[in-house]
C-alpha atoms as a PDB file:
ATOM      1  CA  UNK A   1      10.183  21.506   5.690  1.00  0.00           C
ATOM      2  CA  UNK A   2       7.011  19.437   6.094  1.00  0.00           C
ATOM      3  CA  UNK A   3       3.758  21.341   5.994  1.00  0.00           C
ATOM      4  CA  UNK A   4       1.514  18.391   6.819  1.00  0.00           C
ATOM      5  CA  UNK A   5       1.777  16.090   9.824  1.00  0.00           C
ATOM      6  CA  UNK A   6       1.560  12.918   7.706  1.00  0.00           C
ATOM      7  CA  UNK A   7       4.708  13.811   5.736  1.00  0.00           C
ATOM      8  CA  UNK A   8       6.767  13.016   8.833  1.00  0.00           C
ATOM      9  CA  UNK A   9       5.184   9.586   9.288  1.00  0.00           C
ATOM     10  CA  UNK A  10       7.530   6.762   8.300  1.00  0.00           C
ATOM     11  CA  UNK A  11       4.536   4.583   7.396  1.00  0.00           C
ATOM     12  CA  UNK A  12       3.329   7.249   4.952  1.00  0.00           C
ATOM     13  CA  UNK A  13       6.812   7.561   3.424  1.00  0.00           C
ATOM     14  CA  UNK A  14       7.098   3.754   3.094  1.00  0.00           C
ATOM     15  CA  UNK A  15       3.587   3.550   1.638  1.00  0.00           C
ATOM     16  CA  UNK A  16       4.505   6.217  -0.939  1.00  0.00           C
ATOM     17  CA  UNK A  17       7.619   4.253  -1.960  1.00  0.00           C
ATOM     18  CA  UNK A  18       5.678   0.982  -2.069  1.00  0.00           C
ATOM     19  CA  UNK A  19       3.067   2.558  -4.357  1.00  0.00           C
ATOM     20  CA  UNK A  20       5.806   3.618  -6.770  1.00  0.00           C
ATOM     21  CA  UNK A  21       7.326   0.122  -6.725  1.00  0.00           C
ATOM     22  CA  UNK A  22       3.920  -1.381  -7.539  1.00  0.00           C
ATOM     23  CA  UNK A  23       3.357   1.142 -10.324  1.00  0.00           C
ATOM     24  CA  UNK A  24       6.704   0.232 -11.940  1.00  0.00           C
ATOM     25  CA  UNK A  25       5.915  -3.473 -11.577  1.00  0.00           C
ATOM     26  CA  UNK A  26       2.753  -3.119 -13.693  1.00  0.00           C
ATOM     27  CA  UNK A  27       4.415  -1.405 -16.665  1.00  0.00           C
ATOM     28  CA  UNK A  28       5.172  -4.659 -18.536  1.00  0.00           C
ATOM     29  CA  UNK A  29       1.754  -6.243 -17.799  1.00  0.00           C
ATOM     30  CA  UNK A  30      -0.162  -7.272 -20.939  1.00  0.00           C
ATOM     31  CA  UNK A  31      -2.640  -4.835 -22.474  1.00  0.00           C
ATOM     32  CA  UNK A  32      -5.554  -7.077 -21.479  1.00  0.00           C
ATOM     33  CA  UNK A  33      -4.788  -6.223 -17.841  1.00  0.00           C
ATOM     34  CA  UNK A  34      -4.711  -2.440 -18.326  1.00  0.00           C
ATOM     35  CA  UNK A  35      -8.205  -1.962 -16.871  1.00  0.00           C
ATOM     36  CA  UNK A  36      -8.150  -5.087 -14.721  1.00  0.00           C
ATOM     37  CA  UNK A  37      -5.347  -6.370 -12.533  1.00  0.00           C
ATOM     38  CA  UNK A  38      -2.804  -3.602 -13.182  1.00  0.00           C
ATOM     39  CA  UNK A  39      -5.394  -0.894 -12.513  1.00  0.00           C
ATOM     40  CA  UNK A  40      -6.649  -2.697  -9.400  1.00  0.00           C
ATOM     41  CA  UNK A  41      -3.221  -3.169  -7.817  1.00  0.00           C
ATOM     42  CA  UNK A  42      -2.145   0.409  -8.588  1.00  0.00           C
ATOM     43  CA  UNK A  43      -5.321   1.877  -7.086  1.00  0.00           C
ATOM     44  CA  UNK A  44      -5.056  -0.328  -3.998  1.00  0.00           C
ATOM     45  CA  UNK A  45      -1.375   0.523  -3.461  1.00  0.00           C
ATOM     46  CA  UNK A  46      -2.064   4.245  -3.850  1.00  0.00           C
ATOM     47  CA  UNK A  47      -4.949   3.939  -1.404  1.00  0.00           C
ATOM     48  CA  UNK A  48      -2.548   2.884   1.364  1.00  0.00           C
ATOM     49  CA  UNK A  49      -0.771   6.259   1.517  1.00  0.00           C
ATOM     50  CA  UNK A  50      -3.962   8.172   0.721  1.00  0.00           C
ATOM     51  CA  UNK A  51      -5.762   6.724   3.744  1.00  0.00           C
ATOM     52  CA  UNK A  52      -2.788   7.266   6.054  1.00  0.00           C
ATOM     53  CA  UNK A  53      -2.725  10.938   5.107  1.00  0.00           C
ATOM     54  CA  UNK A  54      -6.502  11.343   5.299  1.00  0.00           C
ATOM     55  CA  UNK A  55      -6.594   9.797   8.763  1.00  0.00           C
ATOM     56  CA  UNK A  56      -3.868  12.087  10.077  1.00  0.00           C
ATOM     57  CA  UNK A  57      -5.579  15.393   9.331  1.00  0.00           C
ATOM     58  CA  UNK A  58      -7.577  16.808  12.234  1.00  0.00           C
ATOM     59  CA  UNK A  59      -9.216  13.505  12.991  1.00  0.00           C
ATOM     60  CA  UNK A  60     -10.092  12.021  16.341  1.00  0.00           C
ATOM     61  CA  UNK A  61      -8.131   8.974  17.449  1.00  0.00           C
ATOM     62  CA  UNK A  62     -10.952   6.512  16.594  1.00  0.00           C
ATOM     63  CA  UNK A  63     -11.159   8.144  13.177  1.00  0.00           C
ATOM     64  CA  UNK A  64      -7.382   7.820  12.659  1.00  0.00           C
ATOM     65  CA  UNK A  65      -7.567   4.136  13.637  1.00  0.00           C
ATOM     66  CA  UNK A  66     -10.361   3.653  11.112  1.00  0.00           C
ATOM     67  CA  UNK A  67      -8.284   5.117   8.274  1.00  0.00           C
ATOM     68  CA  UNK A  68      -5.223   3.042   9.207  1.00  0.00           C
ATOM     69  CA  UNK A  69      -7.588   0.070   9.058  1.00  0.00           C
ATOM     70  CA  UNK A  70      -8.548   1.086   5.512  1.00  0.00           C
ATOM     71  CA  UNK A  71      -4.844   1.263   4.639  1.00  0.00           C
ATOM     72  CA  UNK A  72      -4.284  -2.224   6.027  1.00  0.00           C
ATOM     73  CA  UNK A  73      -7.213  -3.557   3.979  1.00  0.00           C
ATOM     74  CA  UNK A  74      -5.797  -1.940   0.849  1.00  0.00           C
ATOM     75  CA  UNK A  75      -2.436  -3.545   1.544  1.00  0.00           C
ATOM     76  CA  UNK A  76      -4.116  -6.950   1.880  1.00  0.00           C
ATOM     77  CA  UNK A  77      -5.727  -6.320  -1.516  1.00  0.00           C
ATOM     78  CA  UNK A  78      -2.299  -5.522  -2.999  1.00  0.00           C
ATOM     79  CA  UNK A  79      -0.887  -8.782  -1.617  1.00  0.00           C
ATOM     80  CA  UNK A  80      -3.708 -10.755  -3.245  1.00  0.00           C
ATOM     81  CA  UNK A  81      -3.007  -8.964  -6.528  1.00  0.00           C
ATOM     82  CA  UNK A  82       0.681  -9.860  -6.158  1.00  0.00           C
ATOM     83  CA  UNK A  83      -0.298 -13.524  -5.902  1.00  0.00           C
ATOM     84  CA  UNK A  84      -2.516 -13.139  -8.991  1.00  0.00           C
ATOM     85  CA  UNK A  85       0.361 -11.450 -10.853  1.00  0.00           C
ATOM     86  CA  UNK A  86       2.723 -14.281  -9.980  1.00  0.00           C
ATOM     87  CA  UNK A  87       0.204 -16.986 -10.917  1.00  0.00           C
ATOM     88  CA  UNK A  88      -0.364 -15.326 -14.293  1.00  0.00           C
ATOM     89  CA  UNK A  89       3.416 -15.127 -14.753  1.00  0.00           C
ATOM     90  CA  UNK A  90       3.469 -11.333 -15.058  1.00  0.00           C
ATOM     91  CA  UNK A  91       6.140 -11.105 -12.351  1.00  0.00           C
ATOM     92  CA  UNK A  92       9.019 -13.373 -11.419  1.00  0.00           C
ATOM     93  CA  UNK A  93       9.302 -15.298  -8.175  1.00  0.00           C
ATOM     94  CA  UNK A  94      12.085 -12.945  -7.023  1.00  0.00           C
ATOM     95  CA  UNK A  95      10.058  -9.816  -7.822  1.00  0.00           C
ATOM     96  CA  UNK A  96       7.077 -11.312  -5.985  1.00  0.00           C
ATOM     97  CA  UNK A  97       9.238 -12.131  -2.944  1.00  0.00           C
ATOM     98  CA  UNK A  98      10.743  -8.629  -2.834  1.00  0.00           C
ATOM     99  CA  UNK A  99       7.334  -6.911  -2.984  1.00  0.00           C
ATOM    100  CA  UNK A 100       5.695  -9.444  -0.666  1.00  0.00           C
ATOM    101  CA  UNK A 101       8.405  -8.802   1.944  1.00  0.00           C
ATOM    102  CA  UNK A 102       7.969  -5.030   1.558  1.00  0.00           C
ATOM    103  CA  UNK A 103       4.216  -5.489   2.031  1.00  0.00           C
ATOM    104  CA  UNK A 104       4.738  -7.614   5.131  1.00  0.00           C
ATOM    105  CA  UNK A 105       7.090  -5.019   6.634  1.00  0.00           C
ATOM    106  CA  UNK A 106       4.607  -2.223   5.893  1.00  0.00           C
ATOM    107  CA  UNK A 107       1.759  -4.289   7.389  1.00  0.00           C
ATOM    108  CA  UNK A 108       3.734  -4.789  10.607  1.00  0.00           C
ATOM    109  CA  UNK A 109       4.530  -1.072  10.791  1.00  0.00           C
ATOM    110  CA  UNK A 110       0.902  -0.042  10.234  1.00  0.00           C
ATOM    111  CA  UNK A 111      -0.412  -2.575  12.764  1.00  0.00           C
ATOM    112  CA  UNK A 112       2.038  -1.289  15.386  1.00  0.00           C
ATOM    113  CA  UNK A 113       1.136   2.322  14.542  1.00  0.00           C
ATOM    114  CA  UNK A 114      -2.597   1.575  14.921  1.00  0.00           C
ATOM    115  CA  UNK A 115      -2.028  -0.129  18.298  1.00  0.00           C
ATOM    116  CA  UNK A 116      -0.181   2.969  19.559  1.00  0.00           C
ATOM    117  CA  UNK A 117      -3.013   5.372  18.709  1.00  0.00           C
ATOM    118  CA  UNK A 118      -4.576   6.220  22.069  1.00  0.00           C
END
């Protein structure tokens, strides 16, 4: 049984899964990226779910919209890091496409969610 409102949100659940996918993707990155690109993309992907949950707790509607906006910005950061990862040949074209499509789906879900906040 869910104790917190955000646990029931599909966008939070998807963001949690996406963060885990990104974390797994960075495992084979070279050591030189440990404190650079791999750290950046993991923090940004974790920030998506973190902001969704923070915005759902006892916040006013404008405040919830603001936190969803932060989540969307973090997702845009992840997408840029995905492009960097592909350009540096840390991930394959197929891995990039899979994660890029997941990111696009999550972006559409979050945008729709934000529009529906009254």
